[in-house]
Amino acid sequence: MAVSGLSGIETMLAQMRAVVKQAEGGALGGSEPSAVRSDGFAAELQRSLRRVSGAQNAATAQAKAFELGAPDISLNDVMVDMQKASIGFQTAVQVRNKLVAAYKEISSMAM
């Protein structure tokens, strides 16, 4: 069970790296995979949480601007950005839940 859990985490990390590379537009070129590995999981998790927080703050600011009657902001954009922020937050919560479950499983293993 623990091995399959680690495999799932490794798959999730690979997916996160691919998303980061796509979001950066490949700006780092060929050195990007080694840069992600050298930073480690904690740094990647911290960057992901900052992006989620930034998306939530931007969506909230956009909603407030719409409420105040800003002419360049449409309701569609506000709703889409709020949903993106919500999905990002829900994903972060699920990642946290998986990490806690993996930690509990590892800590309960007999040495």
C-alpha atoms as a PDB file:
ATOM      1  CA  MET A   1       0.000   0.000   0.000  1.00  0.00           C
ATOM      2  CA  ALA A   2       2.792   2.433   0.900  1.00  0.00           C
ATOM      3  CA  VAL A   3       4.610   1.792  -2.371  1.00  0.00           C
ATOM      4  CA  SER A   4       1.514   2.534  -4.452  1.00  0.00           C
ATOM      5  CA  GLY A   5       0.961   5.705  -2.382  1.00  0.00           C
ATOM      6  CA  LEU A   6       4.498   6.845  -3.158  1.00  0.00           C
ATOM      7  CA  SER A   7       3.942   6.054  -6.808  1.00  0.00           C
ATOM      8  CA  GLY A   8       0.847   8.255  -6.759  1.00  0.00           C
ATOM      9  CA  ILE A   9       2.819  11.086  -5.163  1.00  0.00           C
ATOM     10  CA  GLU A  10       5.563  10.716  -7.770  1.00  0.00           C
ATOM     11  CA  THR A  11       2.926  10.873 -10.518  1.00  0.00           C
ATOM     12  CA  MET A  12       1.380  13.964  -8.953  1.00  0.00           C
ATOM     13  CA  LEU A  13       4.801  15.625  -8.719  1.00  0.00           C
ATOM     14  CA  ALA A  14       5.468  14.878 -12.382  1.00  0.00           C
ATOM     15  CA  GLN A  15       2.125  16.433 -13.285  1.00  0.00           C
ATOM     16  CA  MET A  16       2.869  19.495 -11.152  1.00  0.00           C
ATOM     17  CA  ARG A  17       6.241  19.907 -12.855  1.00  0.00           C
ATOM     18  CA  ALA A  18       4.588  19.692 -16.267  1.00  0.00           C
ATOM     19  CA  VAL A  19       2.045  22.339 -15.281  1.00  0.00           C
ATOM     20  CA  VAL A  20       4.793  24.617 -13.962  1.00  0.00           C
ATOM     21  CA  LYS A  21       6.776  24.190 -17.163  1.00  0.00           C
ATOM     22  CA  GLN A  22       3.696  24.930 -19.256  1.00  0.00           C
ATOM     23  CA  ALA A  23       2.792  27.963 -17.133  1.00  0.00           C
ATOM     24  CA  GLU A  24       6.290  29.378 -17.437  1.00  0.00           C
ATOM     25  CA  GLY A  25       6.138  28.839 -21.174  1.00  0.00           C
ATOM     26  CA  GLY A  26       9.344  26.847 -21.124  1.00  0.00           C
ATOM     27  CA  ALA A  27      11.227  30.037 -20.194  1.00  0.00           C
ATOM     28  CA  LEU A  28      13.922  28.076 -18.406  1.00  0.00           C
ATOM     29  CA  GLY A  29      14.630  25.901 -21.419  1.00  0.00           C
ATOM     30  CA  GLY A  30      16.331  22.541 -20.999  1.00  0.00           C
ATOM     31  CA  SER A  31      17.570  23.204 -17.473  1.00  0.00           C
ATOM     32  CA  GLU A  32      14.055  23.389 -15.970  1.00  0.00           C
ATOM     33  CA  PRO A  33      13.718  19.769 -14.801  1.00  0.00           C
ATOM     34  CA  SER A  34      17.015  19.881 -12.912  1.00  0.00           C
ATOM     35  CA  ALA A  35      16.067  23.264 -11.411  1.00  0.00           C
ATOM     36  CA  VAL A  36      12.817  21.807 -10.064  1.00  0.00           C
ATOM     37  CA  ARG A  37      14.630  18.801  -8.619  1.00  0.00           C
ATOM     38  CA  SER A  38      17.237  20.956  -6.883  1.00  0.00           C
ATOM     39  CA  ASP A  39      14.554  23.141  -5.276  1.00  0.00           C
ATOM     40  CA  GLY A  40      12.733  20.180  -3.826  1.00  0.00           C
ATOM     41  CA  PHE A  41       9.171  19.371  -3.032  1.00  0.00           C
ATOM     42  CA  ALA A  42       8.773  21.958  -0.263  1.00  0.00           C
ATOM     43  CA  ALA A  43       9.753  24.817  -2.570  1.00  0.00           C
ATOM     44  CA  GLU A  44       7.390  23.598  -5.279  1.00  0.00           C
ATOM     45  CA  LEU A  45       4.563  23.282  -2.766  1.00  0.00           C
ATOM     46  CA  GLN A  46       5.254  26.787  -1.490  1.00  0.00           C
ATOM     47  CA  ARG A  47       5.199  28.207  -5.034  1.00  0.00           C
ATOM     48  CA  SER A  48       1.918  26.412  -5.716  1.00  0.00           C
ATOM     49  CA  LEU A  49       0.340  27.812  -2.563  1.00  0.00           C
ATOM     50  CA  ARG A  50       1.508  31.310  -3.502  1.00  0.00           C
ATOM     51  CA  ARG A  51      -0.105  30.930  -6.939  1.00  0.00           C
ATOM     52  CA  VAL A  52      -3.379  29.774  -5.356  1.00  0.00           C
ATOM     53  CA  SER A  53      -3.291  32.690  -2.929  1.00  0.00           C
ATOM     54  CA  GLY A  54      -2.512  35.113  -5.757  1.00  0.00           C
ATOM     55  CA  ALA A  55      -5.404  33.780  -7.817  1.00  0.00           C
ATOM     56  CA  GLN A  56      -7.766  34.179  -4.860  1.00  0.00           C
ATOM     57  CA  ASN A  57      -6.579  37.735  -4.192  1.00  0.00           C
ATOM     58  CA  ALA A  58      -6.854  38.697  -7.874  1.00  0.00           C
ATOM     59  CA  ALA A  59     -10.354  37.226  -8.147  1.00  0.00           C
ATOM     60  CA  THR A  60     -11.470  39.045  -5.004  1.00  0.00           C
ATOM     61  CA  ALA A  61     -10.037  42.338  -6.255  1.00  0.00           C
ATOM     62  CA  GLN A  62     -11.724  41.854  -9.617  1.00  0.00           C
ATOM     63  CA  ALA A  63     -15.063  41.105  -7.931  1.00  0.00           C
ATOM     64  CA  LYS A  64     -14.771  44.247  -5.805  1.00  0.00           C
ATOM     65  CA  ALA A  65     -13.947  46.324  -8.881  1.00  0.00           C
ATOM     66  CA  PHE A  66     -16.993  44.895 -10.666  1.00  0.00           C
ATOM     67  CA  GLU A  67     -19.189  45.690  -7.665  1.00  0.00           C
ATOM     68  CA  LEU A  68     -17.902  49.260  -7.710  1.00  0.00           C
ATOM     69  CA  GLY A  69     -18.907  49.557 -11.362  1.00  0.00           C
ATOM     70  CA  ALA A  70     -15.602  49.380 -13.218  1.00  0.00           C
ATOM     71  CA  PRO A  71     -16.529  49.537 -16.920  1.00  0.00           C
ATOM     72  CA  ASP A  72     -13.723  47.277 -18.181  1.00  0.00           C
ATOM     73  CA  ILE A  73     -14.678  44.243 -16.043  1.00  0.00           C
ATOM     74  CA  SER A  74     -17.464  41.905 -17.123  1.00  0.00           C
ATOM     75  CA  LEU A  75     -19.451  39.563 -14.929  1.00  0.00           C
ATOM     76  CA  ASN A  76     -18.290  36.611 -17.037  1.00  0.00           C
ATOM     77  CA  ASP A  77     -14.640  37.354 -16.273  1.00  0.00           C
ATOM     78  CA  VAL A  78     -15.366  37.733 -12.572  1.00  0.00           C
ATOM     79  CA  MET A  79     -17.236  34.423 -12.412  1.00  0.00           C
ATOM     80  CA  VAL A  80     -14.559  32.531 -14.354  1.00  0.00           C
ATOM     81  CA  ASP A  81     -11.754  33.911 -12.191  1.00  0.00           C
ATOM     82  CA  MET A  82     -13.675  33.130  -8.997  1.00  0.00           C
ATOM     83  CA  GLN A  83     -14.198  29.549 -10.186  1.00  0.00           C
ATOM     84  CA  LYS A  84     -10.506  29.200 -11.089  1.00  0.00           C
ATOM     85  CA  ALA A  85      -9.540  30.422  -7.624  1.00  0.00           C
ATOM     86  CA  SER A  86     -12.028  28.044  -6.026  1.00  0.00           C
ATOM     87  CA  ILE A  87     -10.738  25.057  -7.994  1.00  0.00           C
ATOM     88  CA  GLY A  88      -7.162  25.970  -7.131  1.00  0.00           C
ATOM     89  CA  PHE A  89      -8.046  26.136  -3.442  1.00  0.00           C
ATOM     90  CA  GLN A  90      -9.915  22.829  -3.546  1.00  0.00           C
ATOM     91  CA  THR A  91      -6.933  21.220  -5.268  1.00  0.00           C
ATOM     92  CA  ALA A  92      -4.569  22.574  -2.603  1.00  0.00           C
ATOM     93  CA  VAL A  93      -6.810  21.164   0.133  1.00  0.00           C
ATOM     94  CA  GLN A  94      -6.871  17.749  -1.561  1.00  0.00           C
ATOM     95  CA  VAL A  95      -3.068  17.766  -1.938  1.00  0.00           C
ATOM     96  CA  ARG A  96      -2.792  18.600   1.748  1.00  0.00           C
ATOM     97  CA  ASN A  97      -5.170  15.755   2.622  1.00  0.00           C
ATOM     98  CA  LYS A  98      -3.102  13.310   0.549  1.00  0.00           C
ATOM     99  CA  LEU A  99       0.127  14.487   2.171  1.00  0.00           C
ATOM    100  CA  VAL A 100      -1.334  14.120   5.655  1.00  0.00           C
ATOM    101  CA  ALA A 101      -2.608  10.633   4.807  1.00  0.00           C
ATOM    102  CA  ALA A 102       0.812   9.656   3.406  1.00  0.00           C
ATOM    103  CA  TYR A 103       2.541  11.045   6.509  1.00  0.00           C
ATOM    104  CA  LYS A 104       0.210   9.097   8.802  1.00  0.00           C
ATOM    105  CA  GLU A 105       0.771   5.917   6.822  1.00  0.00           C
ATOM    106  CA  ILE A 106       4.543   6.317   6.871  1.00  0.00           C
ATOM    107  CA  SER A 107       4.622   7.223  10.569  1.00  0.00           C
ATOM    108  CA  SER A 108       2.582   4.135  11.450  1.00  0.00           C
ATOM    109  CA  MET A 109       4.922   1.749   9.613  1.00  0.00           C
ATOM    110  CA  ALA A 110       6.947  -0.571  11.807  1.00  0.00           C
ATOM    111  CA  MET A 111      10.664  -0.107  11.514  1.00  0.00           C
END
